[in-house]
Every structure is written in structure tokens, then in C-alpha cells.
Amino acid sequence: MPGTMTIWFVAAIPVLIMFFALAMERLEHRLRYLAARENLAVQENEVEEFLQAARPDEVRALYRTGITGALELFRRRRLRRSPLIRSRRVEQQS
């Protein structure tokens, strides 16, 4: 009887690991699809820019909510600032 259990474990464990790997691959594919569809993907250049120019409230958001929440604050600040930068450039050109 103990030999039979060993054979079952030897046969079952690799199969279970294979099914787990396939399930994780499907999950990863689905998450990538959702992130691309909702534009939630975090890009390396955004993270670098965030780390160089983050304000204290954005760093606190990084600590509390993770990189996605902190980058959302950072993107909002950049969007609010961009019309000001454009208007200053127009004034300087005049």
C-alpha cells in the first residue's frame, strides 16, 4: 500500500503543478488585457519621472496605495500644470 501512494504522488504532483501554471498564465493574460484596456499599465519612464519629481503627498500615496495610486496623483498634477506651461511658452514667444 505505501508504494501505491508514492506512485500517486509522483504522478499527481507534476500534473497539479502544470494545471496551476496554466491557470496563472491565463490570469496574467487577463490582467494584462484589462490593464491595457483601461490604460493602467505602469511604464518605466513614468516611474523614473515620479521618483525624480514626486511631492510628499505623492510619496505618502505610494506608501498607502502603491504605485498605481501614486502615479494617478502624479499624472493629475502634470495635467493641471501642462496648460500653465503652454501659456507661459506662448507669452515668452510673443
Protein backbone atom coordinates (compact mmCIF):
# COMPACT_ATOMS: atom_id res chain seq x y z
CA MET A 1 0.00 0.00 0.00
CA PRO A 2 2.75 2.59 0.78
CA GLY A 3 4.27 2.01 -2.66
CA THR A 4 0.93 2.77 -4.30
CA MET A 5 0.66 6.13 -2.51
CA THR A 6 4.16 7.08 -3.64
CA ILE A 7 3.26 6.33 -7.25
CA TRP A 8 0.13 8.51 -6.96
CA PHE A 9 2.17 11.39 -5.52
CA VAL A 10 4.81 11.06 -8.23
CA ALA A 11 2.13 11.13 -10.92
CA ALA A 12 -0.19 13.72 -9.37
CA ILE A 13 2.22 16.44 -8.22
CA PRO A 14 3.61 17.33 -11.70
CA VAL A 15 0.10 17.35 -13.16
CA LEU A 16 -1.15 19.66 -10.39
CA ILE A 17 1.82 21.99 -10.89
CA MET A 18 1.15 22.07 -14.65
CA PHE A 19 -2.53 22.97 -14.13
CA PHE A 20 -1.55 25.66 -11.64
CA ALA A 21 0.94 27.14 -14.14
CA LEU A 22 -1.67 27.16 -16.89
CA ALA A 23 -4.19 28.88 -14.59
CA MET A 24 -1.63 31.54 -13.63
CA GLU A 25 -0.81 32.14 -17.30
CA ARG A 26 -4.48 32.70 -18.09
CA LEU A 27 -4.81 35.04 -15.12
CA GLU A 28 -1.74 37.02 -16.20
CA HIS A 29 -3.09 37.30 -19.75
CA ARG A 30 -6.45 38.56 -18.46
CA LEU A 31 -4.83 41.13 -16.15
CA ARG A 32 -2.63 42.43 -18.96
CA TYR A 33 -5.69 42.76 -21.19
CA LEU A 34 -7.60 44.70 -18.51
CA ALA A 35 -4.64 46.94 -17.78
CA ALA A 36 -4.13 47.75 -21.45
CA ARG A 37 -7.83 48.40 -21.97
CA GLU A 38 -8.07 50.76 -19.01
CA ASN A 39 -4.60 52.25 -19.53
CA LEU A 40 -3.49 51.14 -16.07
CA ALA A 41 -0.15 49.84 -17.18
CA VAL A 42 2.74 51.44 -15.36
CA GLN A 43 5.58 52.37 -17.67
CA GLU A 44 9.21 52.53 -16.65
CA ASN A 45 9.73 56.14 -17.75
CA GLU A 46 6.74 57.25 -15.65
CA VAL A 47 8.18 55.57 -12.58
CA GLU A 48 11.57 57.20 -13.15
CA GLU A 49 9.97 60.62 -13.57
CA PHE A 50 7.83 60.05 -10.48
CA LEU A 51 10.86 59.13 -8.37
CA GLN A 52 12.70 62.25 -9.51
CA ALA A 53 9.86 64.78 -9.10
CA ALA A 54 7.41 63.37 -6.55
CA ARG A 55 5.91 65.62 -3.89
CA PRO A 56 5.50 64.47 -0.27
CA ASP A 57 1.78 63.78 -0.71
CA GLU A 58 2.54 61.60 -3.73
CA VAL A 59 5.17 59.68 -1.75
CA ARG A 60 2.60 59.11 1.02
CA ALA A 61 0.19 57.82 -1.63
CA LEU A 62 2.92 55.46 -2.84
CA TYR A 63 3.25 54.13 0.69
CA ARG A 64 -0.52 53.83 1.28
CA THR A 65 -1.92 52.73 -2.07
CA GLY A 66 1.03 51.50 -4.11
CA ILE A 67 2.50 52.73 -7.35
CA THR A 68 -0.81 52.90 -9.23
CA GLY A 69 -2.42 55.36 -6.81
CA ALA A 70 0.71 57.47 -6.52
CA LEU A 71 1.12 57.68 -10.29
CA GLU A 72 -2.52 58.72 -10.59
CA LEU A 73 -1.83 61.74 -8.33
CA PHE A 74 1.35 62.48 -10.25
CA ARG A 75 -0.45 62.33 -13.61
CA ARG A 76 -3.19 64.67 -12.36
CA ARG A 77 -0.59 67.18 -11.18
CA ARG A 78 1.16 67.05 -14.54
CA LEU A 79 -2.13 67.54 -16.39
CA ARG A 80 -3.00 70.57 -14.26
CA ARG A 81 0.45 72.01 -14.81
CA SER A 82 0.62 71.46 -18.59
CA PRO A 83 -1.83 74.29 -19.58
CA LEU A 84 0.21 76.69 -17.42
CA ILE A 85 3.41 75.66 -19.16
CA ARG A 86 1.80 76.10 -22.58
CA SER A 87 0.51 79.56 -21.70
CA ARG A 88 3.94 80.63 -20.41
CA ARG A 89 5.58 79.43 -23.62
CA VAL A 90 3.09 81.43 -25.70
CA GLU A 91 3.76 84.54 -23.56
CA GLN A 92 7.52 84.10 -23.96
CA GLN A 93 7.23 83.75 -27.72
CA SER A 94 5.18 86.98 -28.01
